[in-house]
Amino acid sequence: MRTNSNKWVMAMVSVFLLAGCASTVHFEKDDTTDFRKYKTFAWLDKDGEGRQDRNRNNDLMEQKIKAAITTEMEKSAGWREVKNRPDVLLSYDVLVERSTKEVNNPVYSRPFTRTVFNPYTRRYATIYYPSQFVGYDRDREPIREGTVTITMIDARTDKTVWQGWTTEEVDNRNMTSGEIQYAVRSIFKKFDIAKK
């Protein structure tokens, strides 16, 4: 019985830790749009006019982002990618910029001992004083934040019908494949809510 309750407690702690690490996702949608009429999508090139962009900074990152978004579109939305006459045009933007975050580190006093003489017992005694919480040391540290934005445009009206974005802390100037997939999955969880 005790092992079952320990497993349950560990499972709950894991859920709360994962929930605390989740990035915040924001979205905007056109409330007049009926997403049930959309079944197909195509990619809008970076210049927005259907031409290939010759000044791409990172083809590998572009492939990974498109693959992650395409997978989520097909899996969660049930849409399929087409070359001609799509219902929706997709575009994305990735921005990694420097920022700072406030760090609060707890500060504790140093533990110490004190030797005192007890006149009643005529002996010396050592008293231990443990460390105590005295406050927080506040500091700002530089970080990099990566923002992924996904935009859906109605192909017939050229009107933006949905846009979702998330920002999270990243380690490098470019987002890794795992960070991209995590961000895209997080955004499409909100898309499932928005299209209903």
N, C-alpha and C. Protein backbone atom coordinates (compact mmCIF):
# COMPACT_ATOMS: atom_id res chain seq x y z
N MET A 1 0.82 -1.20 0.00
CA MET A 1 0.00 0.00 0.00
C MET A 1 0.87 1.25 0.00
N ARG A 2 1.95 1.20 0.80
CA ARG A 2 2.83 2.37 0.90
C ARG A 2 3.54 2.65 -0.42
N THR A 3 3.94 1.59 -1.16
CA THR A 3 4.64 1.80 -2.43
C THR A 3 3.71 2.42 -3.46
N ASN A 4 2.42 2.06 -3.43
CA ASN A 4 1.47 2.67 -4.36
C ASN A 4 1.30 4.15 -4.08
N SER A 5 1.23 4.52 -2.80
CA SER A 5 1.08 5.94 -2.48
C SER A 5 2.35 6.71 -2.82
N ASN A 6 3.52 6.08 -2.64
CA ASN A 6 4.77 6.74 -3.03
C ASN A 6 4.84 6.96 -4.54
N LYS A 7 4.40 5.98 -5.31
CA LYS A 7 4.38 6.12 -6.77
C LYS A 7 3.43 7.23 -7.19
N TRP A 8 2.28 7.31 -6.52
CA TRP A 8 1.30 8.33 -6.85
C TRP A 8 1.86 9.72 -6.56
N VAL A 9 2.53 9.86 -5.42
CA VAL A 9 3.13 11.15 -5.05
C VAL A 9 4.20 11.54 -6.07
N MET A 10 5.05 10.60 -6.47
CA MET A 10 6.10 10.88 -7.45
C MET A 10 5.50 11.27 -8.80
N ALA A 11 4.41 10.61 -9.17
CA ALA A 11 3.76 10.96 -10.43
C ALA A 11 3.20 12.38 -10.39
N MET A 12 2.60 12.76 -9.28
CA MET A 12 2.05 14.11 -9.15
C MET A 12 3.16 15.16 -9.17
N VAL A 13 4.27 14.88 -8.50
CA VAL A 13 5.40 15.80 -8.50
C VAL A 13 5.93 15.97 -9.91
N SER A 14 6.03 14.88 -10.67
CA SER A 14 6.50 14.96 -12.06
C SER A 14 5.58 15.81 -12.91
N VAL A 15 4.28 15.65 -12.73
CA VAL A 15 3.31 16.44 -13.50
C VAL A 15 3.48 17.93 -13.21
N PHE A 16 3.62 18.28 -11.93
CA PHE A 16 3.77 19.69 -11.57
C PHE A 16 5.09 20.26 -12.07
N LEU A 17 6.15 19.47 -12.05
CA LEU A 17 7.44 19.94 -12.58
C LEU A 17 7.37 20.18 -14.08
N LEU A 18 6.74 19.25 -14.80
CA LEU A 18 6.61 19.43 -16.24
C LEU A 18 5.71 20.60 -16.58
N ALA A 19 4.67 20.80 -15.82
CA ALA A 19 3.78 21.93 -16.06
C ALA A 19 4.49 23.24 -15.79
N GLY A 20 5.38 23.25 -14.81
CA GLY A 20 6.13 24.46 -14.51
C GLY A 20 7.14 24.79 -15.59
N CYS A 21 7.62 23.78 -16.33
CA CYS A 21 8.61 24.00 -17.38
C CYS A 21 7.97 24.35 -18.72
N ALA A 22 6.67 24.21 -18.84
CA ALA A 22 6.00 24.44 -20.11
C ALA A 22 6.07 25.91 -20.50
N SER A 23 6.29 26.14 -21.79
CA SER A 23 6.36 27.52 -22.26
C SER A 23 4.94 28.05 -22.50
N THR A 24 4.79 29.35 -22.39
CA THR A 24 3.50 29.99 -22.58
C THR A 24 3.27 30.20 -24.07
N VAL A 25 2.10 29.83 -24.54
CA VAL A 25 1.74 29.97 -25.94
C VAL A 25 0.63 31.00 -26.05
N HIS A 26 0.75 31.87 -27.03
CA HIS A 26 -0.28 32.88 -27.29
C HIS A 26 -0.81 32.67 -28.70
N PHE A 27 -2.06 33.05 -28.93
CA PHE A 27 -2.59 32.97 -30.29
C PHE A 27 -3.66 34.03 -30.48
N GLU A 28 -3.82 34.39 -31.73
CA GLU A 28 -4.89 35.29 -32.17
C GLU A 28 -5.57 34.61 -33.35
N LYS A 29 -6.90 34.74 -33.41
CA LYS A 29 -7.60 34.15 -34.55
C LYS A 29 -8.73 35.06 -34.99
N ASP A 30 -9.12 34.88 -36.23
CA ASP A 30 -10.26 35.59 -36.77
C ASP A 30 -11.51 34.84 -36.34
N ASP A 31 -12.32 35.46 -35.52
CA ASP A 31 -13.49 34.79 -34.96
C ASP A 31 -14.56 34.49 -36.02
N THR A 32 -14.49 35.15 -37.16
CA THR A 32 -15.49 34.91 -38.21
C THR A 32 -15.11 33.73 -39.10
N THR A 33 -13.92 33.17 -38.91
CA THR A 33 -13.45 32.09 -39.78
C THR A 33 -13.94 30.74 -39.29
N ASP A 34 -14.45 29.94 -40.23
CA ASP A 34 -14.87 28.57 -39.94
C ASP A 34 -13.73 27.64 -40.38
N PHE A 35 -12.97 27.13 -39.42
CA PHE A 35 -11.81 26.30 -39.73
C PHE A 35 -12.20 24.93 -40.28
N ARG A 36 -13.47 24.55 -40.18
CA ARG A 36 -13.89 23.25 -40.72
C ARG A 36 -13.86 23.22 -42.24
N LYS A 37 -13.88 24.40 -42.87
CA LYS A 37 -13.86 24.41 -44.34
C LYS A 37 -12.46 24.25 -44.91
N TYR A 38 -11.44 24.35 -44.06
CA TYR A 38 -10.05 24.19 -44.52
C TYR A 38 -9.63 22.73 -44.44
N LYS A 39 -9.03 22.26 -45.53
CA LYS A 39 -8.54 20.88 -45.57
C LYS A 39 -7.11 20.79 -46.09
N THR A 40 -6.64 21.81 -46.81
CA THR A 40 -5.33 21.75 -47.44
C THR A 40 -4.52 22.99 -47.12
N PHE A 41 -3.19 22.86 -47.23
CA PHE A 41 -2.31 24.00 -46.99
C PHE A 41 -1.09 23.93 -47.89
N ALA A 42 -0.43 25.06 -48.05
CA ALA A 42 0.83 25.16 -48.79
C ALA A 42 1.70 26.18 -48.09
N TRP A 43 2.99 26.16 -48.40
CA TRP A 43 3.93 27.06 -47.76
C TRP A 43 4.07 28.35 -48.55
N LEU A 44 4.09 29.45 -47.85
CA LEU A 44 4.35 30.75 -48.44
C LEU A 44 5.85 30.97 -48.32
N ASP A 45 6.52 31.27 -49.44
CA ASP A 45 7.96 31.49 -49.38
C ASP A 45 8.27 32.74 -48.61
N LYS A 46 9.52 32.87 -48.19
CA LYS A 46 9.93 33.95 -47.30
C LYS A 46 9.67 35.34 -47.88
N ASP A 47 9.79 35.49 -49.19
CA ASP A 47 9.56 36.83 -49.76
C ASP A 47 8.08 37.12 -49.93
N GLY A 48 7.23 36.09 -49.73
CA GLY A 48 5.79 36.29 -49.78
C GLY A 48 5.23 36.35 -51.18
N GLU A 49 6.06 36.12 -52.20
CA GLU A 49 5.57 36.20 -53.57
C GLU A 49 5.75 34.91 -54.34
N GLY A 50 6.09 33.82 -53.64
CA GLY A 50 6.18 32.53 -54.31
C GLY A 50 7.53 32.25 -54.94
N ARG A 51 8.49 33.17 -54.84
CA ARG A 51 9.81 32.93 -55.41
C ARG A 51 10.70 32.30 -54.36
N GLN A 52 11.74 31.62 -54.81
CA GLN A 52 12.70 31.06 -53.88
C GLN A 52 13.61 32.16 -53.36
N ASP A 53 13.84 32.17 -52.09
CA ASP A 53 14.71 33.16 -51.45
C ASP A 53 16.15 32.67 -51.54
N ARG A 54 17.01 33.42 -52.21
CA ARG A 54 18.40 32.99 -52.39
C ARG A 54 19.29 33.37 -51.21
N ASN A 55 18.79 34.16 -50.29
CA ASN A 55 19.60 34.62 -49.16
C ASN A 55 19.20 33.94 -47.86
N ARG A 56 18.97 32.66 -47.93
CA ARG A 56 18.57 31.93 -46.72
C ARG A 56 19.76 31.80 -45.80
N ASN A 57 19.53 32.02 -44.52
CA ASN A 57 20.61 31.91 -43.55
C ASN A 57 20.86 30.47 -43.14
N ASN A 58 19.82 29.69 -43.03
CA ASN A 58 19.99 28.35 -42.49
C ASN A 58 18.96 27.41 -43.11
N ASP A 59 19.35 26.74 -44.19
CA ASP A 59 18.44 25.82 -44.87
C ASP A 59 18.05 24.64 -43.99
N LEU A 60 18.99 24.16 -43.18
CA LEU A 60 18.71 23.01 -42.33
C LEU A 60 17.64 23.35 -41.30
N MET A 61 17.75 24.51 -40.67
CA MET A 61 16.75 24.92 -39.69
C MET A 61 15.39 25.09 -40.37
N GLU A 62 15.38 25.66 -41.57
CA GLU A 62 14.11 25.84 -42.29
C GLU A 62 13.45 24.50 -42.57
N GLN A 63 14.24 23.51 -42.98
CA GLN A 63 13.69 22.18 -43.25
C GLN A 63 13.08 21.58 -41.99
N LYS A 64 13.78 21.74 -40.85
CA LYS A 64 13.27 21.16 -39.60
C LYS A 64 12.00 21.84 -39.13
N ILE A 65 11.94 23.15 -39.28
CA ILE A 65 10.73 23.87 -38.87
C ILE A 65 9.55 23.47 -39.76
N LYS A 66 9.78 23.46 -41.07
CA LYS A 66 8.69 23.07 -41.98
C LYS A 66 8.24 21.64 -41.73
N ALA A 67 9.18 20.74 -41.49
CA ALA A 67 8.82 19.34 -41.22
C ALA A 67 8.01 19.23 -39.93
N ALA A 68 8.42 19.96 -38.89
CA ALA A 68 7.68 19.90 -37.62
C ALA A 68 6.28 20.46 -37.77
N ILE A 69 6.14 21.58 -38.48
CA ILE A 69 4.82 22.18 -38.66
C ILE A 69 3.95 21.30 -39.55
N THR A 70 4.52 20.76 -40.63
CA THR A 70 3.76 19.88 -41.53
C THR A 70 3.26 18.65 -40.78
N THR A 71 4.10 18.06 -39.95
CA THR A 71 3.70 16.89 -39.17
C THR A 71 2.51 17.23 -38.26
N GLU A 72 2.59 18.37 -37.57
CA GLU A 72 1.50 18.76 -36.68
C GLU A 72 0.23 19.09 -37.46
N MET A 73 0.36 19.72 -38.63
CA MET A 73 -0.82 20.04 -39.44
C MET A 73 -1.52 18.77 -39.90
N GLU A 74 -0.74 17.78 -40.30
CA GLU A 74 -1.34 16.54 -40.78
C GLU A 74 -1.88 15.70 -39.63
N LYS A 75 -1.16 15.69 -38.48
CA LYS A 75 -1.56 14.85 -37.37
C LYS A 75 -2.70 15.46 -36.56
N SER A 76 -2.53 16.70 -36.11
CA SER A 76 -3.53 17.27 -35.21
C SER A 76 -4.71 17.90 -35.95
N ALA A 77 -4.44 18.53 -37.09
CA ALA A 77 -5.53 19.20 -37.79
C ALA A 77 -6.18 18.30 -38.84
N GLY A 78 -5.45 17.29 -39.32
CA GLY A 78 -5.99 16.42 -40.36
C GLY A 78 -5.93 17.05 -41.74
N TRP A 79 -5.14 18.10 -41.91
CA TRP A 79 -4.99 18.75 -43.21
C TRP A 79 -3.87 18.08 -43.97
N ARG A 80 -3.83 18.34 -45.28
CA ARG A 80 -2.73 17.79 -46.09
C ARG A 80 -2.10 18.89 -46.94
N GLU A 81 -0.81 18.69 -47.21
CA GLU A 81 -0.07 19.68 -48.00
C GLU A 81 -0.31 19.44 -49.48
N VAL A 82 -0.59 20.51 -50.23
CA VAL A 82 -0.80 20.42 -51.67
C VAL A 82 0.05 21.49 -52.37
N LYS A 83 0.25 21.31 -53.66
CA LYS A 83 1.02 22.29 -54.43
C LYS A 83 0.11 23.31 -55.11
N ASN A 84 -1.09 22.90 -55.50
CA ASN A 84 -1.99 23.78 -56.23
C ASN A 84 -3.27 24.04 -55.46
N ARG A 85 -3.72 25.28 -55.46
CA ARG A 85 -4.98 25.73 -54.90
C ARG A 85 -5.20 25.28 -53.45
N PRO A 86 -4.30 25.68 -52.55
CA PRO A 86 -4.51 25.33 -51.13
C PRO A 86 -5.59 26.21 -50.52
N ASP A 87 -6.15 25.73 -49.42
CA ASP A 87 -7.11 26.53 -48.67
C ASP A 87 -6.40 27.58 -47.81
N VAL A 88 -5.24 27.20 -47.26
CA VAL A 88 -4.49 28.05 -46.34
C VAL A 88 -3.03 28.12 -46.75
N LEU A 89 -2.44 29.31 -46.63
CA LEU A 89 -1.01 29.48 -46.83
C LEU A 89 -0.36 29.61 -45.46
N LEU A 90 0.75 28.89 -45.27
CA LEU A 90 1.46 28.91 -43.99
C LEU A 90 2.77 29.67 -44.11
N SER A 91 3.11 30.39 -43.07
CA SER A 91 4.43 31.00 -42.97
C SER A 91 4.86 30.91 -41.51
N TYR A 92 6.13 31.07 -41.30
CA TYR A 92 6.66 31.01 -39.93
C TYR A 92 7.76 32.06 -39.79
N ASP A 93 8.09 32.36 -38.56
CA ASP A 93 9.19 33.27 -38.27
C ASP A 93 9.87 32.77 -37.01
N VAL A 94 11.20 32.78 -37.01
CA VAL A 94 11.98 32.40 -35.84
C VAL A 94 12.88 33.57 -35.49
N LEU A 95 12.83 33.99 -34.25
CA LEU A 95 13.64 35.11 -33.79
C LEU A 95 14.34 34.71 -32.50
N VAL A 96 15.67 34.80 -32.51
CA VAL A 96 16.45 34.55 -31.31
C VAL A 96 17.12 35.87 -30.95
N GLU A 97 16.83 36.36 -29.74
CA GLU A 97 17.39 37.65 -29.34
C GLU A 97 17.89 37.59 -27.90
N ARG A 98 18.79 38.51 -27.60
CA ARG A 98 19.34 38.59 -26.25
C ARG A 98 18.35 39.29 -25.33
N SER A 99 18.32 38.82 -24.11
CA SER A 99 17.45 39.41 -23.11
C SER A 99 18.10 39.21 -21.74
N THR A 100 17.43 39.59 -20.70
CA THR A 100 17.90 39.33 -19.34
C THR A 100 16.74 38.79 -18.53
N LYS A 101 17.09 38.06 -17.49
CA LYS A 101 16.07 37.58 -16.58
C LYS A 101 16.52 37.82 -15.15
N GLU A 102 15.56 38.05 -14.30
CA GLU A 102 15.87 38.27 -12.90
C GLU A 102 16.00 36.94 -12.20
N VAL A 103 17.10 36.80 -11.45
CA VAL A 103 17.36 35.57 -10.72
C VAL A 103 17.33 35.89 -9.24
N ASN A 104 16.55 35.16 -8.49
CA ASN A 104 16.45 35.33 -7.03
C ASN A 104 17.08 34.13 -6.36
N ASN A 105 18.24 34.35 -5.73
CA ASN A 105 18.94 33.28 -5.02
C ASN A 105 18.73 33.47 -3.52
N PRO A 106 18.29 32.41 -2.82
CA PRO A 106 18.10 32.54 -1.38
C PRO A 106 19.44 32.73 -0.67
N VAL A 107 19.44 33.54 0.38
CA VAL A 107 20.64 33.80 1.16
C VAL A 107 20.40 33.32 2.59
N TYR A 108 21.38 32.59 3.13
CA TYR A 108 21.29 32.05 4.48
C TYR A 108 22.48 32.54 5.29
N SER A 109 22.26 32.71 6.58
CA SER A 109 23.37 33.07 7.46
C SER A 109 24.29 31.87 7.64
N ARG A 110 25.51 32.12 8.07
CA ARG A 110 26.45 31.02 8.29
C ARG A 110 26.12 30.33 9.61
N PRO A 111 26.15 29.01 9.64
CA PRO A 111 25.96 28.32 10.92
C PRO A 111 27.21 28.52 11.79
N PHE A 112 27.01 28.52 13.09
CA PHE A 112 28.18 28.65 13.97
C PHE A 112 27.90 27.95 15.30
N THR A 113 28.98 27.73 16.02
CA THR A 113 28.86 27.13 17.35
C THR A 113 29.41 28.11 18.38
N ARG A 114 28.96 27.95 19.57
CA ARG A 114 29.41 28.83 20.65
C ARG A 114 29.61 27.97 21.90
N THR A 115 30.70 28.18 22.57
CA THR A 115 31.00 27.43 23.79
C THR A 115 30.68 28.31 24.99
N VAL A 116 29.90 27.76 25.91
CA VAL A 116 29.49 28.50 27.10
C VAL A 116 29.80 27.67 28.35
N PHE A 117 30.01 28.36 29.43
CA PHE A 117 30.27 27.69 30.71
C PHE A 117 28.98 27.69 31.53
N ASN A 118 28.58 26.49 31.98
CA ASN A 118 27.41 26.34 32.83
C ASN A 118 27.87 26.32 34.29
N PRO A 119 27.56 27.38 35.07
CA PRO A 119 28.05 27.43 36.44
C PRO A 119 27.41 26.39 37.36
N TYR A 120 26.23 25.90 37.01
CA TYR A 120 25.57 24.92 37.88
C TYR A 120 26.21 23.55 37.75
N THR A 121 26.56 23.15 36.52
CA THR A 121 27.18 21.84 36.32
C THR A 121 28.70 21.93 36.30
N ARG A 122 29.22 23.15 36.24
CA ARG A 122 30.65 23.42 36.16
C ARG A 122 31.28 22.69 34.97
N ARG A 123 30.55 22.78 33.85
CA ARG A 123 31.05 22.18 32.61
C ARG A 123 30.85 23.17 31.47
N TYR A 124 31.65 22.94 30.44
CA TYR A 124 31.48 23.72 29.21
C TYR A 124 30.52 22.99 28.27
N ALA A 125 29.70 23.72 27.64
CA ALA A 125 28.75 23.14 26.68
C ALA A 125 28.88 23.87 25.35
N THR A 126 28.69 23.13 24.27
CA THR A 126 28.74 23.72 22.93
C THR A 126 27.32 23.85 22.40
N ILE A 127 26.98 25.03 21.98
CA ILE A 127 25.65 25.28 21.42
C ILE A 127 25.81 25.52 19.92
N TYR A 128 25.01 24.80 19.15
CA TYR A 128 25.05 24.91 17.68
C TYR A 128 23.92 25.82 17.22
N TYR A 129 24.27 26.83 16.41
CA TYR A 129 23.29 27.74 15.83
C TYR A 129 23.21 27.45 14.33
N PRO A 130 22.11 26.86 13.84
CA PRO A 130 22.03 26.53 12.40
C PRO A 130 21.85 27.79 11.56
N SER A 131 22.10 27.62 10.27
CA SER A 131 21.92 28.76 9.36
C SER A 131 20.44 29.11 9.28
N GLN A 132 20.16 30.38 9.01
CA GLN A 132 18.79 30.85 8.92
C GLN A 132 18.60 31.64 7.63
N PHE A 133 17.41 31.56 7.11
CA PHE A 133 17.08 32.29 5.89
C PHE A 133 17.02 33.79 6.21
N VAL A 134 17.76 34.60 5.41
CA VAL A 134 17.79 36.04 5.67
C VAL A 134 17.23 36.87 4.52
N GLY A 135 16.92 36.24 3.39
CA GLY A 135 16.34 36.99 2.28
C GLY A 135 16.81 36.45 0.94
N TYR A 136 16.69 37.28 -0.08
CA TYR A 136 17.08 36.90 -1.43
C TYR A 136 18.14 37.84 -1.97
N ASP A 137 19.04 37.27 -2.75
CA ASP A 137 20.02 38.06 -3.49
C ASP A 137 19.50 38.15 -4.92
N ARG A 138 19.08 39.33 -5.31
CA ARG A 138 18.50 39.52 -6.64
C ARG A 138 19.58 39.94 -7.63
N ASP A 139 19.54 39.31 -8.81
CA ASP A 139 20.53 39.61 -9.83
C ASP A 139 19.88 39.45 -11.20
N ARG A 140 20.46 40.05 -12.21
CA ARG A 140 19.99 39.89 -13.58
C ARG A 140 21.08 39.18 -14.37
N GLU A 141 20.67 38.16 -15.13
CA GLU A 141 21.66 37.45 -15.93
C GLU A 141 21.23 37.46 -17.39
N PRO A 142 22.21 37.54 -18.31
CA PRO A 142 21.87 37.57 -19.73
C PRO A 142 21.41 36.19 -20.22
N ILE A 143 20.41 36.18 -21.07
CA ILE A 143 19.91 34.94 -21.66
C ILE A 143 19.60 35.19 -23.13
N ARG A 144 19.31 34.12 -23.84
CA ARG A 144 18.80 34.20 -25.21
C ARG A 144 17.39 33.64 -25.21
N GLU A 145 16.48 34.35 -25.87
CA GLU A 145 15.10 33.90 -26.00
C GLU A 145 14.78 33.62 -27.45
N GLY A 146 14.20 32.46 -27.70
CA GLY A 146 13.79 32.10 -29.05
C GLY A 146 12.28 32.17 -29.17
N THR A 147 11.80 32.88 -30.19
CA THR A 147 10.37 33.01 -30.43
C THR A 147 10.03 32.37 -31.77
N VAL A 148 9.08 31.46 -31.76
CA VAL A 148 8.58 30.83 -32.99
C VAL A 148 7.16 31.34 -33.21
N THR A 149 6.90 31.87 -34.41
CA THR A 149 5.57 32.37 -34.78
C THR A 149 5.10 31.63 -36.01
N ILE A 150 3.89 31.13 -35.98
CA ILE A 150 3.28 30.44 -37.13
C ILE A 150 2.04 31.22 -37.53
N THR A 151 1.94 31.53 -38.82
CA THR A 151 0.84 32.33 -39.34
C THR A 151 0.09 31.54 -40.41
N MET A 152 -1.25 31.58 -40.36
CA MET A 152 -2.10 30.95 -41.38
C MET A 152 -2.88 32.05 -42.09
N ILE A 153 -2.83 32.01 -43.43
CA ILE A 153 -3.48 33.02 -44.26
C ILE A 153 -4.47 32.32 -45.17
N ASP A 154 -5.68 32.83 -45.24
CA ASP A 154 -6.67 32.29 -46.17
C ASP A 154 -6.19 32.56 -47.59
N ALA A 155 -6.05 31.52 -48.40
CA ALA A 155 -5.48 31.65 -49.74
C ALA A 155 -6.37 32.45 -50.68
N ARG A 156 -7.68 32.44 -50.46
CA ARG A 156 -8.58 33.17 -51.36
C ARG A 156 -8.68 34.65 -51.02
N THR A 157 -8.67 34.97 -49.73
CA THR A 157 -8.89 36.36 -49.33
C THR A 157 -7.60 37.08 -48.92
N ASP A 158 -6.47 36.36 -48.77
CA ASP A 158 -5.20 36.91 -48.29
C ASP A 158 -5.35 37.53 -46.90
N LYS A 159 -6.25 37.02 -46.11
CA LYS A 159 -6.49 37.53 -44.77
C LYS A 159 -5.90 36.55 -43.76
N THR A 160 -5.18 37.09 -42.77
CA THR A 160 -4.63 36.24 -41.71
C THR A 160 -5.79 35.74 -40.85
N VAL A 161 -5.88 34.40 -40.71
CA VAL A 161 -6.99 33.81 -39.97
C VAL A 161 -6.55 33.27 -38.61
N TRP A 162 -5.24 32.99 -38.47
CA TRP A 162 -4.75 32.47 -37.20
C TRP A 162 -3.26 32.73 -37.10
N GLN A 163 -2.81 33.06 -35.88
CA GLN A 163 -1.39 33.23 -35.63
C GLN A 163 -1.10 32.78 -34.21
N GLY A 164 -0.09 31.91 -34.07
CA GLY A 164 0.30 31.43 -32.75
C GLY A 164 1.79 31.62 -32.55
N TRP A 165 2.19 31.91 -31.30
CA TRP A 165 3.61 32.11 -31.04
C TRP A 165 3.94 31.72 -29.60
N THR A 166 5.20 31.36 -29.41
CA THR A 166 5.71 31.03 -28.09
C THR A 166 7.15 31.49 -27.98
N THR A 167 7.54 31.84 -26.78
CA THR A 167 8.91 32.28 -26.51
C THR A 167 9.46 31.44 -25.36
N GLU A 168 10.69 30.95 -25.54
CA GLU A 168 11.33 30.19 -24.47
C GLU A 168 12.83 30.46 -24.49
N GLU A 169 13.46 30.16 -23.39
CA GLU A 169 14.90 30.37 -23.26
C GLU A 169 15.64 29.31 -24.05
N VAL A 170 16.65 29.73 -24.83
CA VAL A 170 17.46 28.81 -25.64
C VAL A 170 18.93 28.99 -25.28
N ASP A 171 19.74 28.00 -25.65
CA ASP A 171 21.15 28.03 -25.28
C ASP A 171 22.05 28.64 -26.35
N ASN A 172 21.62 28.65 -27.60
CA ASN A 172 22.49 29.07 -28.69
C ASN A 172 21.88 30.20 -29.50
N ARG A 173 22.63 30.66 -30.50
CA ARG A 173 22.10 31.69 -31.41
C ARG A 173 21.00 31.14 -32.29
N ASN A 174 21.03 29.85 -32.56
CA ASN A 174 19.98 29.19 -33.33
C ASN A 174 19.27 28.19 -32.43
N MET A 175 18.01 27.98 -32.71
CA MET A 175 17.25 26.99 -31.94
C MET A 175 17.61 25.59 -32.41
N THR A 176 17.68 24.65 -31.48
CA THR A 176 17.99 23.27 -31.83
C THR A 176 16.73 22.59 -32.37
N SER A 177 16.93 21.41 -32.94
CA SER A 177 15.81 20.65 -33.49
C SER A 177 14.79 20.30 -32.41
N GLY A 178 15.26 19.92 -31.24
CA GLY A 178 14.36 19.58 -30.14
C GLY A 178 13.57 20.79 -29.65
N GLU A 179 14.23 21.96 -29.58
CA GLU A 179 13.54 23.17 -29.15
C GLU A 179 12.48 23.59 -30.16
N ILE A 180 12.79 23.41 -31.45
CA ILE A 180 11.83 23.75 -32.50
C ILE A 180 10.60 22.84 -32.40
N GLN A 181 10.84 21.54 -32.30
CA GLN A 181 9.72 20.60 -32.23
C GLN A 181 8.86 20.85 -31.00
N TYR A 182 9.49 21.14 -29.86
CA TYR A 182 8.75 21.42 -28.64
C TYR A 182 7.89 22.67 -28.81
N ALA A 183 8.47 23.73 -29.40
CA ALA A 183 7.73 24.97 -29.59
C ALA A 183 6.55 24.77 -30.53
N VAL A 184 6.78 24.05 -31.64
CA VAL A 184 5.70 23.82 -32.62
C VAL A 184 4.59 22.98 -32.00
N ARG A 185 4.93 21.94 -31.24
CA ARG A 185 3.91 21.12 -30.58
C ARG A 185 3.09 21.95 -29.60
N SER A 186 3.78 22.82 -28.85
CA SER A 186 3.08 23.67 -27.89
C SER A 186 2.10 24.60 -28.60
N ILE A 187 2.53 25.18 -29.72
CA ILE A 187 1.66 26.10 -30.47
C ILE A 187 0.44 25.36 -31.01
N PHE A 188 0.63 24.16 -31.53
CA PHE A 188 -0.50 23.45 -32.13
C PHE A 188 -1.48 22.89 -31.09
N LYS A 189 -1.08 22.80 -29.84
CA LYS A 189 -2.05 22.46 -28.80
C LYS A 189 -3.08 23.59 -28.69
N LYS A 190 -2.62 24.83 -28.84
CA LYS A 190 -3.54 25.97 -28.83
C LYS A 190 -4.35 26.04 -30.12
N PHE A 191 -3.78 25.57 -31.22
CA PHE A 191 -4.53 25.58 -32.48
C PHE A 191 -5.73 24.65 -32.40
N ASP A 192 -5.57 23.51 -31.74
CA ASP A 192 -6.71 22.60 -31.55
C ASP A 192 -7.83 23.29 -30.80
N ILE A 193 -7.48 24.09 -29.82
CA ILE A 193 -8.50 24.83 -29.06
C ILE A 193 -9.14 25.91 -29.93
N ALA A 194 -8.30 26.61 -30.71
CA ALA A 194 -8.78 27.76 -31.48
C ALA A 194 -9.71 27.36 -32.61
N LYS A 195 -9.49 26.21 -33.23
CA LYS A 195 -10.29 25.86 -34.40
C LYS A 195 -11.67 25.35 -34.06
N LYS A 196 -11.94 25.10 -32.76
CA LYS A 196 -13.26 24.60 -32.36
C LYS A 196 -14.25 25.72 -32.16
